[in-house]
Amino acid sequence: MRTYLPLICLLLALNLVACKSDVQSEVEVLEEQQATDSKLQFNPHKGPVQPICSAPAPIQDIWKLEPMLIDKGLITESMDKEQRETVIREYIKKKNSAYDQCLKGS
């Protein structure tokens, strides 16, 4: 029996080392899956989750957008009121069409 004791200890040590490497590889696989899952959520029943499309808020007063459009450089001081209104309405239309495209999934 004493002659088998070193052999048994050696086999146990090798088994522990092998199990540890299996656990490490499983942890690495799980970390990789979590990194991938964080990029794209997946619903096993419906497939990939679509991005959330947030509807633009309804505009109460279009002229409240004017300072922001001036800061962006879309409206200049040389524009008259009609030109400014056209730029503001085009901006609103662009935002609404972006929402519509998001809903269509393109």
N, C-alpha and C. Protein backbone atom coordinates (compact mmCIF):
# COMPACT_ATOMS: atom_id res chain seq x y z
N MET A 1 0.82 -1.19 0.00
CA MET A 1 0.00 0.00 0.00
C MET A 1 0.87 1.26 0.00
N ARG A 2 1.96 1.26 0.77
CA ARG A 2 2.83 2.43 0.84
C ARG A 2 3.50 2.72 -0.50
N THR A 3 3.68 1.72 -1.31
CA THR A 3 4.32 1.93 -2.59
C THR A 3 3.38 2.64 -3.57
N TYR A 4 2.10 2.52 -3.34
CA TYR A 4 1.13 3.17 -4.22
C TYR A 4 0.81 4.60 -3.80
N LEU A 5 1.14 4.98 -2.58
CA LEU A 5 0.81 6.31 -2.06
C LEU A 5 1.42 7.44 -2.90
N PRO A 6 2.69 7.41 -3.29
CA PRO A 6 3.22 8.48 -4.15
C PRO A 6 2.53 8.53 -5.51
N LEU A 7 2.20 7.34 -6.04
CA LEU A 7 1.52 7.29 -7.33
C LEU A 7 0.12 7.90 -7.23
N ILE A 8 -0.57 7.59 -6.16
CA ILE A 8 -1.92 8.16 -5.95
C ILE A 8 -1.83 9.67 -5.78
N CYS A 9 -0.87 10.17 -5.02
CA CYS A 9 -0.69 11.62 -4.84
C CYS A 9 -0.38 12.30 -6.18
N LEU A 10 0.45 11.67 -6.98
CA LEU A 10 0.79 12.22 -8.28
C LEU A 10 -0.44 12.30 -9.18
N LEU A 11 -1.25 11.25 -9.20
CA LEU A 11 -2.47 11.24 -10.01
C LEU A 11 -3.47 12.30 -9.53
N LEU A 12 -3.61 12.46 -8.22
CA LEU A 12 -4.49 13.50 -7.68
C LEU A 12 -4.01 14.90 -8.08
N ALA A 13 -2.72 15.13 -8.00
CA ALA A 13 -2.17 16.43 -8.37
C ALA A 13 -2.40 16.72 -9.85
N LEU A 14 -2.17 15.72 -10.69
CA LEU A 14 -2.41 15.92 -12.13
C LEU A 14 -3.88 16.18 -12.41
N ASN A 15 -4.75 15.50 -11.71
CA ASN A 15 -6.19 15.70 -11.88
C ASN A 15 -6.59 17.12 -11.48
N LEU A 16 -6.04 17.62 -10.38
CA LEU A 16 -6.35 18.99 -9.94
C LEU A 16 -5.87 20.01 -10.96
N VAL A 17 -4.68 19.82 -11.51
CA VAL A 17 -4.15 20.74 -12.52
C VAL A 17 -5.03 20.72 -13.76
N ALA A 18 -5.45 19.55 -14.18
CA ALA A 18 -6.30 19.44 -15.37
C ALA A 18 -7.65 20.11 -15.13
N CYS A 19 -8.23 19.93 -13.96
CA CYS A 19 -9.52 20.56 -13.65
C CYS A 19 -9.39 22.08 -13.61
N LYS A 20 -8.28 22.56 -13.06
CA LYS A 20 -8.08 24.01 -12.98
C LYS A 20 -8.01 24.63 -14.37
N SER A 21 -7.32 23.98 -15.31
CA SER A 21 -7.21 24.54 -16.65
C SER A 21 -8.56 24.51 -17.35
N ASP A 22 -9.39 23.48 -17.08
CA ASP A 22 -10.74 23.43 -17.65
C ASP A 22 -11.59 24.58 -17.11
N VAL A 23 -11.48 24.86 -15.83
CA VAL A 23 -12.25 25.95 -15.23
C VAL A 23 -11.81 27.28 -15.82
N GLN A 24 -10.50 27.46 -15.99
CA GLN A 24 -10.00 28.71 -16.57
C GLN A 24 -10.51 28.89 -17.99
N SER A 25 -10.52 27.83 -18.79
CA SER A 25 -10.99 27.97 -20.16
C SER A 25 -12.49 28.25 -20.18
N GLU A 26 -13.25 27.66 -19.26
CA GLU A 26 -14.68 27.96 -19.19
C GLU A 26 -14.92 29.41 -18.80
N VAL A 27 -14.12 29.92 -17.87
CA VAL A 27 -14.24 31.32 -17.46
C VAL A 27 -13.93 32.24 -18.65
N GLU A 28 -12.90 31.92 -19.41
CA GLU A 28 -12.55 32.74 -20.58
C GLU A 28 -13.67 32.72 -21.60
N VAL A 29 -14.29 31.57 -21.82
CA VAL A 29 -15.40 31.47 -22.77
C VAL A 29 -16.57 32.31 -22.28
N LEU A 30 -16.88 32.23 -20.99
CA LEU A 30 -17.99 33.02 -20.44
C LEU A 30 -17.72 34.52 -20.56
N GLU A 31 -16.50 34.94 -20.29
CA GLU A 31 -16.16 36.36 -20.42
C GLU A 31 -16.31 36.83 -21.86
N GLU A 32 -15.89 36.00 -22.80
CA GLU A 32 -16.02 36.36 -24.22
C GLU A 32 -17.49 36.45 -24.61
N GLN A 33 -18.31 35.52 -24.12
CA GLN A 33 -19.74 35.56 -24.43
C GLN A 33 -20.39 36.81 -23.84
N GLN A 34 -20.00 37.18 -22.63
CA GLN A 34 -20.57 38.37 -22.01
C GLN A 34 -20.18 39.62 -22.78
N ALA A 35 -18.95 39.68 -23.28
CA ALA A 35 -18.53 40.83 -24.07
C ALA A 35 -19.33 40.91 -25.35
N THR A 36 -19.58 39.77 -25.98
CA THR A 36 -20.37 39.75 -27.21
C THR A 36 -21.82 40.11 -26.92
N ASP A 37 -22.37 39.58 -25.82
CA ASP A 37 -23.75 39.85 -25.46
C ASP A 37 -23.97 41.31 -25.13
N SER A 38 -22.95 41.98 -24.57
CA SER A 38 -23.13 43.39 -24.24
C SER A 38 -23.22 44.24 -25.50
N LYS A 39 -22.66 43.76 -26.61
CA LYS A 39 -22.74 44.51 -27.86
C LYS A 39 -24.10 44.35 -28.52
N LEU A 40 -24.69 43.15 -28.42
CA LEU A 40 -25.98 42.88 -29.05
C LEU A 40 -26.78 41.99 -28.12
N GLN A 41 -27.88 42.52 -27.64
CA GLN A 41 -28.75 41.72 -26.78
C GLN A 41 -29.44 40.68 -27.65
N PHE A 42 -29.72 39.53 -27.05
CA PHE A 42 -30.34 38.46 -27.81
C PHE A 42 -31.49 37.89 -27.01
N ASN A 43 -32.64 37.81 -27.64
CA ASN A 43 -33.81 37.19 -27.05
C ASN A 43 -33.94 35.83 -27.72
N PRO A 44 -33.80 34.71 -26.97
CA PRO A 44 -33.81 33.41 -27.61
C PRO A 44 -35.13 33.08 -28.30
N HIS A 45 -36.20 33.77 -27.94
CA HIS A 45 -37.49 33.48 -28.54
C HIS A 45 -37.75 34.32 -29.80
N LYS A 46 -37.14 35.48 -29.87
CA LYS A 46 -37.44 36.39 -30.98
C LYS A 46 -36.22 36.80 -31.78
N GLY A 47 -35.04 36.33 -31.45
CA GLY A 47 -33.84 36.70 -32.18
C GLY A 47 -33.23 37.97 -31.60
N PRO A 48 -32.38 38.66 -32.37
CA PRO A 48 -31.73 39.87 -31.87
C PRO A 48 -32.74 40.95 -31.51
N VAL A 49 -32.45 41.67 -30.44
CA VAL A 49 -33.31 42.75 -29.98
C VAL A 49 -33.07 43.97 -30.85
N GLN A 50 -34.12 44.59 -31.31
CA GLN A 50 -34.01 45.79 -32.14
C GLN A 50 -33.62 46.98 -31.27
N PRO A 51 -32.91 47.97 -31.84
CA PRO A 51 -32.57 49.15 -31.07
C PRO A 51 -33.83 49.90 -30.66
N ILE A 52 -33.74 50.60 -29.55
CA ILE A 52 -34.88 51.37 -29.07
C ILE A 52 -34.96 52.66 -29.87
N CYS A 53 -36.10 52.89 -30.48
CA CYS A 53 -36.32 54.10 -31.26
C CYS A 53 -37.10 55.09 -30.40
N SER A 54 -36.47 56.18 -30.06
CA SER A 54 -37.17 57.16 -29.23
C SER A 54 -37.79 58.22 -30.14
N ALA A 55 -39.08 58.40 -29.96
CA ALA A 55 -39.81 59.36 -30.77
C ALA A 55 -39.39 60.78 -30.38
N PRO A 56 -39.22 61.64 -31.36
CA PRO A 56 -38.90 63.02 -31.03
C PRO A 56 -40.09 63.67 -30.32
N ALA A 57 -39.79 64.52 -29.39
CA ALA A 57 -40.86 65.20 -28.65
C ALA A 57 -41.62 66.12 -29.60
N PRO A 58 -42.92 66.23 -29.40
CA PRO A 58 -43.68 67.15 -30.25
C PRO A 58 -43.22 68.59 -29.99
N ILE A 59 -43.10 69.35 -31.07
CA ILE A 59 -42.60 70.72 -30.97
C ILE A 59 -43.76 71.66 -30.63
N GLN A 60 -43.64 72.35 -29.52
CA GLN A 60 -44.66 73.32 -29.12
C GLN A 60 -44.40 74.67 -29.79
N ASP A 61 -43.12 75.06 -29.77
CA ASP A 61 -42.72 76.35 -30.34
C ASP A 61 -41.44 76.12 -31.14
N ILE A 62 -41.55 76.20 -32.48
CA ILE A 62 -40.40 75.89 -33.32
C ILE A 62 -39.27 76.90 -33.11
N TRP A 63 -39.57 78.08 -32.63
CA TRP A 63 -38.55 79.11 -32.47
C TRP A 63 -37.62 78.83 -31.29
N LYS A 64 -37.99 77.89 -30.43
CA LYS A 64 -37.09 77.52 -29.34
C LYS A 64 -35.89 76.72 -29.86
N LEU A 65 -36.02 76.21 -31.07
CA LEU A 65 -34.90 75.48 -31.68
C LEU A 65 -33.88 76.42 -32.33
N GLU A 66 -34.28 77.65 -32.53
CA GLU A 66 -33.42 78.60 -33.25
C GLU A 66 -32.05 78.80 -32.61
N PRO A 67 -31.94 79.02 -31.29
CA PRO A 67 -30.59 79.21 -30.72
C PRO A 67 -29.67 78.01 -30.92
N MET A 68 -30.23 76.80 -30.83
CA MET A 68 -29.42 75.60 -31.02
C MET A 68 -28.94 75.51 -32.47
N LEU A 69 -29.81 75.85 -33.41
CA LEU A 69 -29.43 75.80 -34.82
C LEU A 69 -28.44 76.91 -35.19
N ILE A 70 -28.51 78.02 -34.49
CA ILE A 70 -27.51 79.08 -34.68
C ILE A 70 -26.15 78.58 -34.19
N ASP A 71 -26.15 77.92 -33.02
CA ASP A 71 -24.90 77.38 -32.47
C ASP A 71 -24.28 76.33 -33.40
N LYS A 72 -25.13 75.55 -34.05
CA LYS A 72 -24.64 74.53 -35.00
C LYS A 72 -24.21 75.14 -36.32
N GLY A 73 -24.56 76.38 -36.56
CA GLY A 73 -24.18 77.05 -37.80
C GLY A 73 -25.17 76.85 -38.93
N LEU A 74 -26.33 76.27 -38.64
CA LEU A 74 -27.33 76.06 -39.69
C LEU A 74 -28.12 77.32 -39.97
N ILE A 75 -28.19 78.20 -39.00
CA ILE A 75 -28.86 79.50 -39.19
C ILE A 75 -27.81 80.57 -38.98
N THR A 76 -27.79 81.53 -39.91
CA THR A 76 -26.84 82.64 -39.81
C THR A 76 -27.59 83.93 -39.54
N GLU A 77 -26.86 84.93 -39.13
CA GLU A 77 -27.46 86.23 -38.82
C GLU A 77 -28.03 86.90 -40.07
N SER A 78 -27.50 86.55 -41.25
CA SER A 78 -27.95 87.21 -42.47
C SER A 78 -29.28 86.67 -43.00
N MET A 79 -29.79 85.58 -42.42
CA MET A 79 -31.04 84.99 -42.90
C MET A 79 -32.23 85.79 -42.38
N ASP A 80 -33.24 85.91 -43.25
CA ASP A 80 -34.47 86.56 -42.79
C ASP A 80 -35.35 85.52 -42.08
N LYS A 81 -36.48 85.96 -41.56
CA LYS A 81 -37.33 85.10 -40.75
C LYS A 81 -37.86 83.89 -41.53
N GLU A 82 -38.21 84.08 -42.80
CA GLU A 82 -38.73 82.97 -43.61
C GLU A 82 -37.66 81.91 -43.83
N GLN A 83 -36.44 82.35 -44.11
CA GLN A 83 -35.34 81.40 -44.31
C GLN A 83 -35.05 80.62 -43.03
N ARG A 84 -35.09 81.33 -41.89
CA ARG A 84 -34.86 80.67 -40.61
C ARG A 84 -35.94 79.63 -40.34
N GLU A 85 -37.19 79.99 -40.63
CA GLU A 85 -38.28 79.05 -40.41
C GLU A 85 -38.13 77.82 -41.30
N THR A 86 -37.69 78.01 -42.53
CA THR A 86 -37.47 76.89 -43.44
C THR A 86 -36.40 75.95 -42.89
N VAL A 87 -35.31 76.51 -42.37
CA VAL A 87 -34.23 75.69 -41.81
C VAL A 87 -34.74 74.92 -40.59
N ILE A 88 -35.52 75.58 -39.75
CA ILE A 88 -36.05 74.93 -38.55
C ILE A 88 -36.99 73.79 -38.94
N ARG A 89 -37.86 74.03 -39.89
CA ARG A 89 -38.81 72.98 -40.31
C ARG A 89 -38.08 71.81 -40.98
N GLU A 90 -37.03 72.09 -41.74
CA GLU A 90 -36.22 71.02 -42.34
C GLU A 90 -35.52 70.19 -41.26
N TYR A 91 -35.06 70.86 -40.22
CA TYR A 91 -34.42 70.16 -39.11
C TYR A 91 -35.43 69.21 -38.43
N ILE A 92 -36.64 69.71 -38.20
CA ILE A 92 -37.68 68.89 -37.58
C ILE A 92 -38.02 67.70 -38.49
N LYS A 93 -38.14 67.97 -39.79
CA LYS A 93 -38.46 66.90 -40.74
C LYS A 93 -37.37 65.84 -40.74
N LYS A 94 -36.12 66.27 -40.67
CA LYS A 94 -34.99 65.33 -40.66
C LYS A 94 -35.02 64.46 -39.41
N LYS A 95 -35.31 65.04 -38.27
CA LYS A 95 -35.40 64.27 -37.02
C LYS A 95 -36.55 63.27 -37.08
N ASN A 96 -37.68 63.68 -37.62
CA ASN A 96 -38.82 62.77 -37.73
C ASN A 96 -38.54 61.63 -38.71
N SER A 97 -37.85 61.93 -39.81
CA SER A 97 -37.54 60.86 -40.77
C SER A 97 -36.52 59.89 -40.19
N ALA A 98 -35.61 60.38 -39.35
CA ALA A 98 -34.65 59.48 -38.69
C ALA A 98 -35.40 58.51 -37.77
N TYR A 99 -36.44 58.99 -37.09
CA TYR A 99 -37.26 58.14 -36.24
C TYR A 99 -38.01 57.11 -37.08
N ASP A 100 -38.57 57.55 -38.20
CA ASP A 100 -39.29 56.63 -39.08
C ASP A 100 -38.36 55.54 -39.62
N GLN A 101 -37.13 55.91 -39.98
CA GLN A 101 -36.16 54.93 -40.47
C GLN A 101 -35.78 53.93 -39.36
N CYS A 102 -35.69 54.41 -38.13
CA CYS A 102 -35.37 53.54 -37.01
C CYS A 102 -36.50 52.52 -36.82
N LEU A 103 -37.73 52.95 -36.94
CA LEU A 103 -38.87 52.04 -36.78
C LEU A 103 -38.88 50.98 -37.88
N LYS A 104 -38.49 51.37 -39.08
CA LYS A 104 -38.47 50.43 -40.20
C LYS A 104 -37.30 49.46 -40.10
N GLY A 105 -36.32 49.81 -39.27
CA GLY A 105 -35.17 48.92 -39.07
C GLY A 105 -34.08 49.09 -40.11
N SER A 106 -34.03 50.19 -40.81
CA SER A 106 -32.96 50.39 -41.78
C SER A 106 -31.89 51.27 -41.25
